[in-house]
Amino acid sequence: MNRSFQRVDRIGDAIQKELGLILQAKFREGELPMITVSAVQVSRDLGHAKVYISALGEEKDIKVAVEALNQLSTKLRYLLAQRMRIRMTPELQFVYDSSIVYGNKLSALIDSVDPDKPKD
């Protein structure tokens, strides 16, 4: 059982790497904000993958980017299948990962409370 989790994790890591390269190549000059694949969570049966993305920009632009990626998920799945050597490429669902923004806000809040910390 532990072995299957390792395989799922390895496939998730590979999908994260390849999707990052695909998105970087395909959307470099587009209207979408700069997108980073922060994590990929693959189901145990390898049928579905939840792709967590982070992006810089306004919240409304990021929501538009997530919607656009979900609409393009079939095409992105096809491009991913061409680059990876796995029997079945999972269906992709894109989700905004707000943990980076949350971490930055939390860090700024801590910095504002600690007056002895030197400013950069």
Protein backbone atom coordinates (compact mmCIF):
# COMPACT_ATOMS: atom_id res chain seq x y z
CA MET A 1 0.00 0.00 0.00
CA ASN A 2 2.82 2.39 0.83
CA ARG A 3 4.34 1.61 -2.56
CA SER A 4 1.26 2.91 -4.43
CA PHE A 5 1.39 6.19 -2.53
CA GLN A 6 5.01 6.61 -3.57
CA ARG A 7 4.04 6.00 -7.20
CA VAL A 8 1.17 8.49 -6.99
CA ASP A 9 3.51 11.06 -5.44
CA ARG A 10 6.14 10.51 -8.16
CA ILE A 11 3.52 10.89 -10.88
CA GLY A 12 2.22 14.05 -9.19
CA ASP A 13 5.73 15.50 -9.10
CA ALA A 14 6.29 14.65 -12.76
CA ILE A 15 2.96 16.21 -13.75
CA GLN A 16 3.84 19.35 -11.77
CA LYS A 17 7.17 19.68 -13.58
CA GLU A 18 5.81 19.00 -17.07
CA LEU A 19 2.71 21.18 -16.68
CA GLY A 20 4.90 24.01 -15.43
CA LEU A 21 6.99 23.76 -18.60
CA ILE A 22 3.89 23.52 -20.83
CA LEU A 23 2.25 26.54 -19.21
CA GLN A 24 5.45 28.54 -19.38
CA ALA A 25 5.83 27.82 -23.10
CA LYS A 26 2.18 28.21 -24.12
CA PHE A 27 1.12 31.22 -22.08
CA ARG A 28 4.25 33.33 -21.99
CA GLU A 29 2.80 36.05 -24.21
CA GLY A 30 -0.87 35.65 -23.34
CA GLU A 31 -3.31 37.73 -21.40
CA LEU A 32 -3.12 35.44 -18.39
CA PRO A 33 -0.93 36.34 -15.42
CA MET A 34 2.34 34.50 -14.79
CA ILE A 35 1.23 31.08 -13.53
CA THR A 36 3.18 28.69 -11.32
CA VAL A 37 2.16 25.11 -10.62
CA SER A 38 2.64 24.88 -6.85
CA ALA A 39 1.41 21.31 -6.29
CA VAL A 40 -0.40 18.41 -7.93
CA GLN A 41 -2.54 15.96 -6.02
CA VAL A 42 -3.24 12.77 -7.98
CA SER A 43 -6.03 10.35 -7.05
CA ARG A 44 -5.05 6.80 -6.12
CA ASP A 45 -6.56 5.39 -9.32
CA LEU A 46 -4.61 7.99 -11.38
CA GLY A 47 -7.85 9.12 -13.03
CA HIS A 48 -7.90 12.68 -11.70
CA ALA A 49 -5.32 15.28 -10.74
CA LYS A 50 -6.00 18.46 -8.83
CA VAL A 51 -3.48 21.06 -10.00
CA TYR A 52 -2.81 23.89 -7.55
CA ILE A 53 -1.61 27.05 -9.22
CA SER A 54 -0.38 30.34 -7.86
CA ALA A 55 -0.17 33.58 -9.77
CA LEU A 56 0.69 37.20 -9.24
CA GLY A 57 -1.95 39.75 -10.00
CA GLU A 58 -5.42 40.88 -9.09
CA GLU A 59 -7.84 38.33 -7.66
CA LYS A 60 -10.27 38.76 -10.58
CA ASP A 61 -7.46 38.10 -13.10
CA ILE A 62 -6.45 34.98 -11.22
CA LYS A 63 -10.05 33.70 -11.22
CA VAL A 64 -10.20 34.27 -14.98
CA ALA A 65 -6.91 32.38 -15.36
CA VAL A 66 -8.22 29.40 -13.35
CA GLU A 67 -11.40 29.33 -15.46
CA ALA A 68 -9.36 29.51 -18.67
CA LEU A 69 -7.09 26.68 -17.55
CA ASN A 70 -10.08 24.51 -16.65
CA GLN A 71 -11.57 25.18 -20.09
CA LEU A 72 -8.22 24.22 -21.67
CA SER A 73 -7.76 21.18 -19.43
CA THR A 74 -8.47 18.68 -22.24
CA LYS A 75 -5.85 20.27 -24.48
CA LEU A 76 -3.37 20.51 -21.61
CA ARG A 77 -4.02 16.87 -20.76
CA TYR A 78 -3.25 15.94 -24.36
CA LEU A 79 0.00 17.93 -24.33
CA LEU A 80 0.90 16.34 -21.00
CA ALA A 81 0.23 12.84 -22.37
CA GLN A 82 2.65 13.50 -25.23
CA ARG A 83 5.43 14.40 -22.78
CA MET A 84 4.94 11.70 -20.16
CA ARG A 85 5.32 7.95 -20.34
CA ILE A 86 2.35 6.76 -18.33
CA ARG A 87 -0.46 4.50 -19.42
CA MET A 88 -3.25 6.88 -18.49
CA THR A 89 -2.97 10.64 -18.12
CA PRO A 90 -5.31 11.92 -15.40
CA GLU A 91 -8.05 14.47 -16.00
CA LEU A 92 -6.87 17.88 -14.80
CA GLN A 93 -8.73 20.22 -12.47
CA PHE A 94 -7.09 23.58 -11.79
CA VAL A 95 -7.48 25.25 -8.39
CA TYR A 96 -6.02 28.52 -7.11
CA ASP A 97 -3.49 28.01 -4.31
CA SER A 98 -3.72 31.04 -2.03
CA SER A 99 -1.18 29.76 0.50
CA ILE A 100 1.63 31.95 -0.88
CA VAL A 101 -0.49 35.11 -0.63
CA TYR A 102 -1.65 34.06 2.84
CA GLY A 103 1.96 33.42 3.90
CA ASN A 104 3.05 36.85 2.65
CA LYS A 105 0.21 38.55 4.54
CA LEU A 106 1.05 36.62 7.69
CA SER A 107 4.74 37.50 7.36
CA ALA A 108 3.90 41.19 6.89
CA LEU A 109 1.66 41.08 9.94
CA ILE A 110 4.42 39.53 12.06
CA ASP A 111 6.92 42.08 10.78
CA SER A 112 4.59 44.93 11.71
CA VAL A 113 4.28 43.65 15.29
CA ASP A 114 8.01 43.06 15.90
CA PRO A 115 9.56 46.55 16.17
CA ASP A 116 13.07 45.22 16.90
CA LYS A 117 13.39 43.35 13.61
CA PRO A 118 15.58 45.25 11.14
CA LYS A 119 13.89 46.35 7.92
CA ASP A 120 15.27 45.07 4.59
